[in-house]
Amino acid sequence: MPSRAKVGVRLPPVNPDDAGHAEVRARILDTACRLFYARGVRAVGVDLIVAEAGVAKTSLYRHFGTKDDLVAAFLKREDEDFWSHWDGVRDAHPGDALGELKAQLDWIGERVARADYRGCPQINVAAEFPEREHPARKVAAAHKRALRDRLAEIAQGLGVARPDELAGQLSLLINGGFVSADALKPGEATAMLQAAARSLIEAGRR
């Protein structure tokens, strides 16, 4: 096959500054996400992030105006990762609410059981920032509302008398699992989540 240059196709010029800026931004965010999750947001300063990322402090502030903006970007990335998993499971169980719920609890239980699990990022940040108007706190609150909304969609297909009530109960169950990893024995999380969910569904159907 002839190259694009030989057939006369003119490729757009690449701006090395744009490519470099994108790479630097990604490096800063990758580093911040790792440190924020492992050590906590308040414990990690900008100086540590730029040192570990190998960038200048001015670069950090060029891409993220404040540390608060960087924290919000961290939570948005975690949010996107969580819902990517969730949507993949949902799409694999069309029209099967019970099958979807079981599968969602399976991967959530596996997540909680990871050796490097340090809790739900949204709950962690909400605990560190009591101000409800903090940018990161808003992202965390929106994530939890979205979780209940998605559970309400599942509950609608489970044949219970009060689906919204069940959605709230399942939300409490899952969020309780997120903060209870240290209280669980290895391999216990998934079985407990599944058993508790079955009890709630059975009670809701009676």
N, C-alpha and C. Protein backbone atom coordinates (compact mmCIF):
# COMPACT_ATOMS: atom_id res chain seq x y z
N MET A 1 0.86 -1.19 0.00
CA MET A 1 0.00 0.00 0.00
C MET A 1 0.89 1.23 0.00
N PRO A 2 0.61 2.24 -0.87
CA PRO A 2 1.44 3.43 -0.88
C PRO A 2 1.25 4.24 0.38
N SER A 3 2.31 4.94 0.77
CA SER A 3 2.22 5.79 1.95
C SER A 3 1.33 6.97 1.64
N ARG A 4 0.81 7.64 2.68
CA ARG A 4 -0.06 8.78 2.49
C ARG A 4 0.72 9.92 1.81
N ALA A 5 2.02 10.02 2.10
CA ALA A 5 2.82 11.08 1.48
C ALA A 5 2.90 10.87 -0.03
N LYS A 6 2.99 9.63 -0.51
CA LYS A 6 3.15 9.35 -1.93
C LYS A 6 1.89 9.64 -2.72
N VAL A 7 0.71 9.52 -2.09
CA VAL A 7 -0.51 9.76 -2.83
C VAL A 7 -0.96 11.21 -2.68
N GLY A 8 -0.12 12.04 -2.13
CA GLY A 8 -0.37 13.46 -2.09
C GLY A 8 -1.28 13.95 -0.99
N VAL A 9 -1.49 13.15 0.07
CA VAL A 9 -2.32 13.58 1.18
C VAL A 9 -1.47 14.40 2.14
N ARG A 10 -1.88 15.62 2.40
CA ARG A 10 -1.11 16.49 3.29
C ARG A 10 -1.62 16.33 4.72
N LEU A 11 -0.78 15.85 5.59
CA LEU A 11 -1.15 15.66 6.99
C LEU A 11 -1.07 16.99 7.73
N PRO A 12 -1.97 17.22 8.70
CA PRO A 12 -1.91 18.46 9.47
C PRO A 12 -0.63 18.50 10.30
N PRO A 13 -0.05 19.66 10.45
CA PRO A 13 1.18 19.75 11.25
C PRO A 13 0.90 19.45 12.71
N VAL A 14 1.86 18.83 13.37
CA VAL A 14 1.74 18.52 14.79
C VAL A 14 2.39 19.64 15.58
N ASN A 15 1.64 20.17 16.51
CA ASN A 15 2.19 21.21 17.39
C ASN A 15 2.85 20.53 18.58
N PRO A 16 4.17 20.54 18.67
CA PRO A 16 4.84 19.83 19.76
C PRO A 16 4.50 20.41 21.12
N ASP A 17 4.19 21.71 21.16
CA ASP A 17 3.83 22.31 22.44
C ASP A 17 2.52 21.72 22.97
N ASP A 18 1.51 21.54 22.05
CA ASP A 18 0.24 20.96 22.47
C ASP A 18 0.43 19.53 22.98
N ALA A 19 1.21 18.76 22.25
CA ALA A 19 1.46 17.38 22.67
C ALA A 19 2.18 17.35 24.01
N GLY A 20 3.14 18.25 24.17
CA GLY A 20 3.88 18.30 25.43
C GLY A 20 3.00 18.71 26.58
N HIS A 21 2.11 19.67 26.35
CA HIS A 21 1.22 20.11 27.42
C HIS A 21 0.29 18.98 27.85
N ALA A 22 -0.23 18.23 26.90
CA ALA A 22 -1.12 17.12 27.23
C ALA A 22 -0.38 16.06 28.04
N GLU A 23 0.86 15.80 27.66
CA GLU A 23 1.64 14.80 28.38
C GLU A 23 1.92 15.24 29.80
N VAL A 24 2.26 16.52 29.96
CA VAL A 24 2.56 17.04 31.30
C VAL A 24 1.30 17.00 32.17
N ARG A 25 0.17 17.40 31.60
CA ARG A 25 -1.08 17.38 32.37
C ARG A 25 -1.40 15.96 32.83
N ALA A 26 -1.25 15.00 31.91
CA ALA A 26 -1.54 13.61 32.26
C ALA A 26 -0.60 13.10 33.35
N ARG A 27 0.67 13.50 33.27
CA ARG A 27 1.64 13.06 34.27
C ARG A 27 1.30 13.64 35.64
N ILE A 28 0.90 14.90 35.67
CA ILE A 28 0.53 15.53 36.93
C ILE A 28 -0.69 14.84 37.53
N LEU A 29 -1.71 14.61 36.70
CA LEU A 29 -2.94 14.00 37.20
C LEU A 29 -2.70 12.56 37.64
N ASP A 30 -1.93 11.79 36.87
CA ASP A 30 -1.61 10.41 37.26
C ASP A 30 -0.93 10.37 38.62
N THR A 31 0.03 11.26 38.81
CA THR A 31 0.77 11.31 40.07
C THR A 31 -0.13 11.72 41.22
N ALA A 32 -0.92 12.76 41.00
CA ALA A 32 -1.82 13.23 42.05
C ALA A 32 -2.83 12.17 42.44
N CYS A 33 -3.39 11.47 41.45
CA CYS A 33 -4.37 10.42 41.75
C CYS A 33 -3.76 9.33 42.61
N ARG A 34 -2.56 8.91 42.26
CA ARG A 34 -1.89 7.86 43.03
C ARG A 34 -1.63 8.30 44.47
N LEU A 35 -1.12 9.51 44.63
CA LEU A 35 -0.77 10.01 45.96
C LEU A 35 -2.02 10.32 46.79
N PHE A 36 -3.01 10.94 46.19
CA PHE A 36 -4.23 11.28 46.91
C PHE A 36 -4.91 10.02 47.44
N TYR A 37 -4.95 8.99 46.61
CA TYR A 37 -5.64 7.77 47.05
C TYR A 37 -4.85 7.04 48.12
N ALA A 38 -3.54 6.99 47.97
CA ALA A 38 -2.72 6.23 48.91
C ALA A 38 -2.55 6.93 50.25
N ARG A 39 -2.46 8.28 50.24
CA ARG A 39 -2.10 9.01 51.46
C ARG A 39 -3.18 9.94 51.99
N GLY A 40 -4.17 10.23 51.17
CA GLY A 40 -5.17 11.20 51.57
C GLY A 40 -4.88 12.55 50.95
N VAL A 41 -5.92 13.31 50.69
CA VAL A 41 -5.76 14.57 49.97
C VAL A 41 -5.03 15.62 50.80
N ARG A 42 -5.42 15.79 52.04
CA ARG A 42 -4.81 16.84 52.86
C ARG A 42 -3.36 16.53 53.19
N ALA A 43 -3.00 15.27 53.19
CA ALA A 43 -1.63 14.89 53.53
C ALA A 43 -0.66 15.09 52.38
N VAL A 44 -1.19 15.30 51.18
CA VAL A 44 -0.35 15.43 49.98
C VAL A 44 -0.34 16.89 49.53
N GLY A 45 0.84 17.48 49.54
CA GLY A 45 0.96 18.86 49.11
C GLY A 45 1.38 18.98 47.66
N VAL A 46 1.26 20.18 47.13
CA VAL A 46 1.63 20.44 45.75
C VAL A 46 3.11 20.16 45.51
N ASP A 47 3.94 20.48 46.49
CA ASP A 47 5.39 20.26 46.33
C ASP A 47 5.71 18.79 46.10
N LEU A 48 5.01 17.91 46.83
CA LEU A 48 5.26 16.48 46.66
C LEU A 48 4.78 16.02 45.27
N ILE A 49 3.65 16.51 44.83
CA ILE A 49 3.13 16.11 43.52
C ILE A 49 4.08 16.50 42.40
N VAL A 50 4.57 17.76 42.42
CA VAL A 50 5.45 18.19 41.33
C VAL A 50 6.79 17.46 41.40
N ALA A 51 7.25 17.15 42.61
CA ALA A 51 8.51 16.43 42.74
C ALA A 51 8.39 15.02 42.18
N GLU A 52 7.30 14.33 42.51
CA GLU A 52 7.12 12.96 42.03
C GLU A 52 6.80 12.92 40.54
N ALA A 53 6.11 13.95 40.05
CA ALA A 53 5.77 13.99 38.64
C ALA A 53 6.93 14.48 37.79
N GLY A 54 7.92 15.13 38.43
CA GLY A 54 9.07 15.64 37.69
C GLY A 54 8.73 16.83 36.82
N VAL A 55 7.86 17.71 37.33
CA VAL A 55 7.47 18.90 36.58
C VAL A 55 7.66 20.13 37.47
N ALA A 56 7.59 21.29 36.86
CA ALA A 56 7.68 22.54 37.61
C ALA A 56 6.34 22.87 38.24
N LYS A 57 6.38 23.58 39.36
CA LYS A 57 5.14 23.95 40.02
C LYS A 57 4.27 24.84 39.12
N THR A 58 4.93 25.67 38.31
CA THR A 58 4.17 26.52 37.40
C THR A 58 3.38 25.69 36.39
N SER A 59 3.91 24.51 36.03
CA SER A 59 3.19 23.64 35.11
C SER A 59 1.91 23.11 35.75
N LEU A 60 2.01 22.77 37.02
CA LEU A 60 0.81 22.27 37.71
C LEU A 60 -0.28 23.34 37.72
N TYR A 61 0.11 24.57 38.06
CA TYR A 61 -0.90 25.63 38.15
C TYR A 61 -1.38 26.09 36.77
N ARG A 62 -0.60 25.81 35.74
CA ARG A 62 -1.05 26.12 34.40
C ARG A 62 -2.20 25.19 33.98
N HIS A 63 -2.11 23.94 34.40
CA HIS A 63 -3.13 22.96 34.01
C HIS A 63 -4.25 22.85 35.03
N PHE A 64 -3.95 23.08 36.28
CA PHE A 64 -4.94 23.01 37.36
C PHE A 64 -4.76 24.27 38.20
N GLY A 65 -5.73 25.17 38.11
CA GLY A 65 -5.55 26.47 38.72
C GLY A 65 -5.25 26.45 40.20
N THR A 66 -5.81 25.49 40.92
CA THR A 66 -5.59 25.36 42.36
C THR A 66 -5.48 23.88 42.72
N LYS A 67 -5.06 23.61 43.93
CA LYS A 67 -5.03 22.22 44.38
C LYS A 67 -6.45 21.67 44.43
N ASP A 68 -7.41 22.50 44.80
CA ASP A 68 -8.80 22.05 44.83
C ASP A 68 -9.25 21.57 43.45
N ASP A 69 -8.82 22.27 42.40
CA ASP A 69 -9.17 21.85 41.04
C ASP A 69 -8.54 20.49 40.72
N LEU A 70 -7.35 20.27 41.23
CA LEU A 70 -6.67 18.99 41.00
C LEU A 70 -7.38 17.87 41.76
N VAL A 71 -7.84 18.16 42.96
CA VAL A 71 -8.59 17.16 43.73
C VAL A 71 -9.90 16.81 43.00
N ALA A 72 -10.58 17.82 42.48
CA ALA A 72 -11.81 17.57 41.74
C ALA A 72 -11.54 16.71 40.50
N ALA A 73 -10.42 16.98 39.81
CA ALA A 73 -10.06 16.18 38.64
C ALA A 73 -9.77 14.73 39.03
N PHE A 74 -9.14 14.54 40.17
CA PHE A 74 -8.89 13.19 40.70
C PHE A 74 -10.21 12.45 40.91
N LEU A 75 -11.17 13.11 41.53
CA LEU A 75 -12.45 12.46 41.79
C LEU A 75 -13.23 12.20 40.50
N LYS A 76 -13.13 13.10 39.55
CA LYS A 76 -13.81 12.90 38.28
C LYS A 76 -13.25 11.68 37.56
N ARG A 77 -11.92 11.49 37.64
CA ARG A 77 -11.33 10.31 37.02
C ARG A 77 -11.82 9.05 37.72
N GLU A 78 -11.85 9.06 39.05
CA GLU A 78 -12.34 7.91 39.79
C GLU A 78 -13.81 7.64 39.45
N ASP A 79 -14.57 8.71 39.29
CA ASP A 79 -15.98 8.60 38.94
C ASP A 79 -16.13 7.92 37.59
N GLU A 80 -15.36 8.36 36.62
CA GLU A 80 -15.44 7.79 35.27
C GLU A 80 -15.04 6.31 35.28
N ASP A 81 -14.02 5.97 36.05
CA ASP A 81 -13.58 4.57 36.12
C ASP A 81 -14.67 3.69 36.74
N PHE A 82 -15.28 4.18 37.81
CA PHE A 82 -16.33 3.41 38.49
C PHE A 82 -17.50 3.16 37.56
N TRP A 83 -17.98 4.22 36.88
CA TRP A 83 -19.16 4.06 36.04
C TRP A 83 -18.85 3.29 34.76
N SER A 84 -17.60 3.30 34.34
CA SER A 84 -17.22 2.47 33.20
C SER A 84 -17.42 0.99 33.54
N HIS A 85 -16.98 0.59 34.74
CA HIS A 85 -17.20 -0.78 35.18
C HIS A 85 -18.70 -1.07 35.31
N TRP A 86 -19.40 -0.16 35.95
CA TRP A 86 -20.83 -0.35 36.19
C TRP A 86 -21.59 -0.52 34.87
N ASP A 87 -21.33 0.36 33.92
CA ASP A 87 -22.05 0.31 32.64
C ASP A 87 -21.73 -0.96 31.87
N GLY A 88 -20.50 -1.43 31.97
CA GLY A 88 -20.14 -2.67 31.30
C GLY A 88 -20.95 -3.84 31.84
N VAL A 89 -21.12 -3.88 33.16
CA VAL A 89 -21.93 -4.94 33.78
C VAL A 89 -23.40 -4.79 33.39
N ARG A 90 -23.91 -3.56 33.44
CA ARG A 90 -25.31 -3.32 33.08
C ARG A 90 -25.59 -3.78 31.65
N ASP A 91 -24.69 -3.44 30.75
CA ASP A 91 -24.90 -3.78 29.34
C ASP A 91 -24.85 -5.28 29.09
N ALA A 92 -24.19 -6.00 30.00
CA ALA A 92 -24.10 -7.47 29.86
C ALA A 92 -25.34 -8.18 30.39
N HIS A 93 -26.27 -7.43 31.03
CA HIS A 93 -27.46 -8.07 31.61
C HIS A 93 -28.72 -7.29 31.23
N PRO A 94 -28.98 -7.12 29.93
CA PRO A 94 -30.16 -6.36 29.52
C PRO A 94 -31.45 -7.06 29.95
N GLY A 95 -32.34 -6.31 30.60
CA GLY A 95 -33.62 -6.86 31.00
C GLY A 95 -33.56 -7.84 32.15
N ASP A 96 -32.42 -7.96 32.82
CA ASP A 96 -32.25 -8.92 33.92
C ASP A 96 -31.76 -8.16 35.15
N ALA A 97 -32.70 -7.56 35.88
CA ALA A 97 -32.34 -6.72 37.02
C ALA A 97 -31.61 -7.51 38.11
N LEU A 98 -32.10 -8.70 38.41
CA LEU A 98 -31.48 -9.49 39.47
C LEU A 98 -30.08 -9.93 39.06
N GLY A 99 -29.94 -10.37 37.81
CA GLY A 99 -28.62 -10.77 37.33
C GLY A 99 -27.65 -9.61 37.34
N GLU A 100 -28.15 -8.43 36.96
CA GLU A 100 -27.26 -7.26 36.98
C GLU A 100 -26.82 -6.93 38.40
N LEU A 101 -27.77 -6.91 39.33
CA LEU A 101 -27.42 -6.58 40.71
C LEU A 101 -26.38 -7.55 41.26
N LYS A 102 -26.57 -8.83 41.02
CA LYS A 102 -25.60 -9.82 41.50
C LYS A 102 -24.23 -9.55 40.90
N ALA A 103 -24.19 -9.25 39.61
CA ALA A 103 -22.90 -9.01 38.94
C ALA A 103 -22.27 -7.72 39.44
N GLN A 104 -23.07 -6.70 39.69
CA GLN A 104 -22.52 -5.45 40.22
C GLN A 104 -21.91 -5.69 41.61
N LEU A 105 -22.59 -6.44 42.43
CA LEU A 105 -22.07 -6.72 43.77
C LEU A 105 -20.82 -7.59 43.71
N ASP A 106 -20.74 -8.45 42.71
CA ASP A 106 -19.54 -9.29 42.55
C ASP A 106 -18.29 -8.42 42.38
N TRP A 107 -18.33 -7.48 41.42
CA TRP A 107 -17.12 -6.70 41.16
C TRP A 107 -16.86 -5.69 42.27
N ILE A 108 -17.93 -5.21 42.91
CA ILE A 108 -17.72 -4.30 44.04
C ILE A 108 -17.07 -5.06 45.20
N GLY A 109 -17.52 -6.29 45.42
CA GLY A 109 -16.90 -7.10 46.48
C GLY A 109 -15.44 -7.39 46.18
N GLU A 110 -15.13 -7.66 44.92
CA GLU A 110 -13.74 -7.89 44.52
C GLU A 110 -12.91 -6.62 44.72
N ARG A 111 -13.48 -5.47 44.41
CA ARG A 111 -12.80 -4.19 44.57
C ARG A 111 -12.44 -3.96 46.04
N VAL A 112 -13.41 -4.21 46.92
CA VAL A 112 -13.19 -4.00 48.35
C VAL A 112 -12.11 -4.94 48.90
N ALA A 113 -11.98 -6.11 48.27
CA ALA A 113 -11.03 -7.11 48.77
C ALA A 113 -9.60 -6.91 48.27
N ARG A 114 -9.36 -5.93 47.41
CA ARG A 114 -8.02 -5.72 46.88
C ARG A 114 -7.03 -5.38 48.00
N ALA A 115 -5.80 -5.84 47.84
CA ALA A 115 -4.78 -5.58 48.85
C ALA A 115 -4.48 -4.09 48.99
N ASP A 116 -4.60 -3.35 47.90
CA ASP A 116 -4.28 -1.92 47.94
C ASP A 116 -5.52 -1.05 48.10
N TYR A 117 -6.64 -1.66 48.48
CA TYR A 117 -7.87 -0.89 48.62
C TYR A 117 -7.78 0.02 49.84
N ARG A 118 -8.09 1.29 49.64
CA ARG A 118 -8.04 2.27 50.72
C ARG A 118 -9.37 2.97 50.88
N GLY A 119 -10.44 2.30 50.53
CA GLY A 119 -11.75 2.88 50.68
C GLY A 119 -12.24 3.57 49.42
N CYS A 120 -13.47 4.02 49.48
CA CYS A 120 -14.09 4.74 48.36
C CYS A 120 -13.49 6.14 48.27
N PRO A 121 -12.94 6.53 47.13
CA PRO A 121 -12.33 7.86 47.03
C PRO A 121 -13.31 8.97 47.34
N GLN A 122 -14.56 8.82 46.90
CA GLN A 122 -15.55 9.87 47.14
C GLN A 122 -15.85 10.02 48.63
N ILE A 123 -16.00 8.90 49.32
CA ILE A 123 -16.25 8.96 50.76
C ILE A 123 -15.03 9.52 51.49
N ASN A 124 -13.85 9.12 51.08
CA ASN A 124 -12.63 9.62 51.71
C ASN A 124 -12.53 11.13 51.61
N VAL A 125 -12.77 11.64 50.41
CA VAL A 125 -12.64 13.09 50.20
C VAL A 125 -13.75 13.84 50.93
N ALA A 126 -14.96 13.30 50.92
CA ALA A 126 -16.05 13.95 51.64
C ALA A 126 -15.74 14.07 53.13
N ALA A 127 -15.05 13.05 53.67
CA ALA A 127 -14.67 13.09 55.08
C ALA A 127 -13.59 14.14 55.35
N GLU A 128 -12.73 14.39 54.37
CA GLU A 128 -11.64 15.36 54.54
C GLU A 128 -12.09 16.79 54.32
N PHE A 129 -13.18 16.98 53.57
CA PHE A 129 -13.64 18.32 53.24
C PHE A 129 -15.09 18.49 53.67
N PRO A 130 -15.33 18.97 54.88
CA PRO A 130 -16.71 19.12 55.36
C PRO A 130 -17.49 20.22 54.65
N GLU A 131 -16.79 21.15 53.97
CA GLU A 131 -17.49 22.25 53.30
C GLU A 131 -18.27 21.72 52.10
N ARG A 132 -19.57 21.86 52.12
CA ARG A 132 -20.41 21.29 51.06
C ARG A 132 -20.18 21.98 49.72
N GLU A 133 -19.67 23.19 49.73
CA GLU A 133 -19.45 23.91 48.48
C GLU A 133 -18.07 23.66 47.89
N HIS A 134 -17.25 22.87 48.56
CA HIS A 134 -15.93 22.55 48.02
C HIS A 134 -16.11 21.80 46.70
N PRO A 135 -15.32 22.13 45.66
CA PRO A 135 -15.49 21.48 44.35
C PRO A 135 -15.44 19.96 44.42
N ALA A 136 -14.51 19.43 45.19
CA ALA A 136 -14.40 17.97 45.29
C ALA A 136 -15.58 17.36 46.03
N ARG A 137 -16.06 18.07 47.04
CA ARG A 137 -17.21 17.57 47.80
C ARG A 137 -18.44 17.49 46.89
N LYS A 138 -18.58 18.44 45.98
CA LYS A 138 -19.70 18.42 45.04
C LYS A 138 -19.61 17.21 44.11
N VAL A 139 -18.39 16.90 43.64
CA VAL A 139 -18.21 15.73 42.78
C VAL A 139 -18.56 14.46 43.55
N ALA A 140 -18.13 14.38 44.81
CA ALA A 140 -18.40 13.20 45.63
C ALA A 140 -19.89 13.03 45.87
N ALA A 141 -20.58 14.14 46.18
CA ALA A 141 -22.02 14.07 46.43
C ALA A 141 -22.78 13.64 45.18
N ALA A 142 -22.37 14.17 44.03
CA ALA A 142 -23.03 13.80 42.77
C ALA A 142 -22.85 12.31 42.48
N HIS A 143 -21.68 11.77 42.81
CA HIS A 143 -21.41 10.35 42.59
C HIS A 143 -22.36 9.50 43.43
N LYS A 144 -22.56 9.88 44.68
CA LYS A 144 -23.43 9.09 45.55
C LYS A 144 -24.89 9.19 45.12
N ARG A 145 -25.30 10.35 44.65
CA ARG A 145 -26.67 10.48 44.13
C ARG A 145 -26.85 9.61 42.89
N ALA A 146 -25.83 9.58 42.04
CA ALA A 146 -25.91 8.76 40.83
C ALA A 146 -25.98 7.27 41.18
N LEU A 147 -25.27 6.87 42.23
CA LEU A 147 -25.31 5.47 42.65
C LEU A 147 -26.73 5.08 43.06
N ARG A 148 -27.36 5.93 43.85
CA ARG A 148 -28.74 5.61 44.27
C ARG A 148 -29.68 5.60 43.07
N ASP A 149 -29.51 6.53 42.14
CA ASP A 149 -30.36 6.57 40.96
C ASP A 149 -30.23 5.28 40.15
N ARG A 150 -29.01 4.80 40.01
CA ARG A 150 -28.81 3.57 39.22
C ARG A 150 -29.35 2.36 39.94
N LEU A 151 -29.24 2.37 41.25
CA LEU A 151 -29.82 1.27 42.02
C LEU A 151 -31.35 1.31 41.95
N ALA A 152 -31.91 2.51 41.85
CA ALA A 152 -33.36 2.64 41.71
C ALA A 152 -33.82 2.03 40.38
N GLU A 153 -33.02 2.19 39.33
CA GLU A 153 -33.35 1.59 38.05
C GLU A 153 -33.38 0.06 38.16
N ILE A 154 -32.40 -0.47 38.89
CA ILE A 154 -32.38 -1.93 39.09
C ILE A 154 -33.58 -2.37 39.92
N ALA A 155 -33.84 -1.62 40.99
CA ALA A 155 -34.92 -2.00 41.91
C ALA A 155 -36.28 -2.04 41.21
N GLN A 156 -36.44 -1.20 40.21
CA GLN A 156 -37.71 -1.19 39.47
C GLN A 156 -38.00 -2.55 38.83
N GLY A 157 -36.97 -3.28 38.52
CA GLY A 157 -37.16 -4.57 37.86
C GLY A 157 -37.13 -5.76 38.78
N LEU A 158 -37.13 -5.53 40.09
CA LEU A 158 -36.98 -6.63 41.05
C LEU A 158 -38.31 -7.07 41.68
N GLY A 159 -39.40 -6.42 41.32
CA GLY A 159 -40.71 -6.85 41.82
C GLY A 159 -40.94 -6.56 43.28
N VAL A 160 -40.37 -5.48 43.79
CA VAL A 160 -40.57 -5.12 45.19
C VAL A 160 -41.66 -4.05 45.28
N ALA A 161 -42.25 -3.94 46.47
CA ALA A 161 -43.35 -3.00 46.65
C ALA A 161 -42.89 -1.54 46.60
N ARG A 162 -41.72 -1.27 47.17
CA ARG A 162 -41.23 0.10 47.24
C ARG A 162 -39.81 0.17 46.67
N PRO A 163 -39.66 0.29 45.36
CA PRO A 163 -38.34 0.25 44.73
C PRO A 163 -37.40 1.35 45.21
N ASP A 164 -37.93 2.55 45.46
CA ASP A 164 -37.04 3.64 45.90
C ASP A 164 -36.47 3.35 47.29
N GLU A 165 -37.29 2.75 48.13
CA GLU A 165 -36.81 2.37 49.46
C GLU A 165 -35.72 1.32 49.35
N LEU A 166 -35.92 0.34 48.48
CA LEU A 166 -34.89 -0.69 48.29
C LEU A 166 -33.61 -0.07 47.74
N ALA A 167 -33.75 0.89 46.83
CA ALA A 167 -32.56 1.56 46.29
C ALA A 167 -31.76 2.24 47.40
N GLY A 168 -32.46 2.88 48.33
CA GLY A 168 -31.78 3.50 49.46
C GLY A 168 -31.09 2.47 50.33
N GLN A 169 -31.75 1.34 50.56
CA GLN A 169 -31.16 0.28 51.39
C GLN A 169 -29.93 -0.31 50.72
N LEU A 170 -30.01 -0.54 49.41
CA LEU A 170 -28.86 -1.08 48.68
C LEU A 170 -27.71 -0.08 48.66
N SER A 171 -28.05 1.20 48.57
CA SER A 171 -27.02 2.24 48.61
C SER A 171 -26.29 2.22 49.94
N LEU A 172 -27.05 2.09 51.03
CA LEU A 172 -26.42 1.99 52.35
C LEU A 172 -25.55 0.74 52.44
N LEU A 173 -26.04 -0.35 51.88
CA LEU A 173 -25.29 -1.61 51.91
C LEU A 173 -23.95 -1.46 51.19
N ILE A 174 -23.99 -0.93 49.98
CA ILE A 174 -22.76 -0.81 49.19
C ILE A 174 -21.79 0.18 49.81
N ASN A 175 -22.30 1.33 50.23
CA ASN A 175 -21.40 2.31 50.86
C ASN A 175 -20.85 1.79 52.18
N GLY A 176 -21.65 0.99 52.88
CA GLY A 176 -21.15 0.36 54.10
C GLY A 176 -20.02 -0.61 53.78
N GLY A 177 -20.16 -1.34 52.67
CA GLY A 177 -19.09 -2.24 52.25
C GLY A 177 -17.81 -1.48 51.93
N PHE A 178 -17.97 -0.31 51.30
CA PHE A 178 -16.79 0.49 50.94
C PHE A 178 -15.97 0.90 52.16
N VAL A 179 -16.62 1.14 53.27
CA VAL A 179 -15.89 1.62 54.45
C VAL A 179 -15.58 0.51 55.45
N SER A 180 -15.94 -0.74 55.12
CA SER A 180 -15.79 -1.83 56.08
C SER A 180 -14.73 -2.85 55.69
N ALA A 181 -13.88 -2.51 54.74
CA ALA A 181 -12.90 -3.50 54.25
C ALA A 181 -12.03 -4.05 55.37
N ASP A 182 -11.61 -3.20 56.29
CA ASP A 182 -10.72 -3.65 57.36
C ASP A 182 -11.42 -4.56 58.36
N ALA A 183 -12.74 -4.52 58.38
CA ALA A 183 -13.49 -5.35 59.32
C ALA A 183 -13.84 -6.72 58.75
N LEU A 184 -13.51 -6.94 57.48
CA LEU A 184 -13.89 -8.18 56.81
C LEU A 184 -12.71 -9.13 56.67
N LYS A 185 -13.00 -10.40 56.70
CA LYS A 185 -11.98 -11.41 56.46
C LYS A 185 -11.76 -11.54 54.96
N PRO A 186 -10.60 -12.08 54.54
CA PRO A 186 -10.35 -12.25 53.10
C PRO A 186 -11.45 -13.04 52.42
N GLY A 187 -11.94 -12.53 51.31
CA GLY A 187 -12.96 -13.23 50.54
C GLY A 187 -14.36 -13.12 51.09
N GLU A 188 -14.55 -12.32 52.14
CA GLU A 188 -15.85 -12.25 52.81
C GLU A 188 -16.79 -11.21 52.19
N ALA A 189 -16.23 -10.19 51.59
CA ALA A 189 -17.02 -9.04 51.16
C ALA A 189 -18.14 -9.42 50.19
N THR A 190 -17.79 -10.14 49.12
CA THR A 190 -18.79 -10.44 48.09
C THR A 190 -19.92 -11.29 48.64
N ALA A 191 -19.60 -12.32 49.41
CA ALA A 191 -20.64 -13.19 49.95
C ALA A 191 -21.58 -12.42 50.88
N MET A 192 -21.02 -11.52 51.68
CA MET A 192 -21.85 -10.75 52.60
C MET A 192 -22.75 -9.76 51.86
N LEU A 193 -22.20 -9.10 50.84
CA LEU A 193 -23.00 -8.18 50.04
C LEU A 193 -24.15 -8.92 49.37
N GLN A 194 -23.87 -10.08 48.80
CA GLN A 194 -24.90 -10.85 48.11
C GLN A 194 -25.98 -11.32 49.07
N ALA A 195 -25.57 -11.82 50.23
CA ALA A 195 -26.54 -12.33 51.20
C ALA A 195 -27.44 -11.21 51.72
N ALA A 196 -26.84 -10.06 52.02
CA ALA A 196 -27.62 -8.93 52.52
C ALA A 196 -28.58 -8.42 51.45
N ALA A 197 -28.13 -8.37 50.21
CA ALA A 197 -29.01 -7.92 49.13
C ALA A 197 -30.19 -8.87 48.95
N ARG A 198 -29.93 -10.17 49.03
CA ARG A 198 -31.04 -11.14 48.90
C ARG A 198 -32.08 -10.92 50.00
N SER A 199 -31.61 -10.68 51.22
CA SER A 199 -32.54 -10.46 52.34
C SER A 199 -33.38 -9.22 52.13
N LEU A 200 -32.75 -8.17 51.62
CA LEU A 200 -33.48 -6.92 51.38
C LEU A 200 -34.52 -7.10 50.28
N ILE A 201 -34.16 -7.83 49.24
CA ILE A 201 -35.10 -8.06 48.13
C ILE A 201 -36.29 -8.92 48.60
N GLU A 202 -35.98 -9.97 49.35
CA GLU A 202 -37.04 -10.84 49.85
C GLU A 202 -37.99 -10.07 50.75
N ALA A 203 -37.45 -9.21 51.60
CA ALA A 203 -38.29 -8.41 52.49
C ALA A 203 -39.14 -7.43 51.67
N GLY A 204 -38.55 -6.89 50.62
CA GLY A 204 -39.29 -5.94 49.79
C GLY A 204 -40.41 -6.59 48.98
N ARG A 205 -40.29 -7.86 48.72
CA ARG A 205 -41.32 -8.58 47.94
C ARG A 205 -42.47 -9.07 48.80
N ARG A 206 -42.26 -9.13 50.10
CA ARG A 206 -43.31 -9.66 50.97
C ARG A 206 -44.38 -8.60 51.23
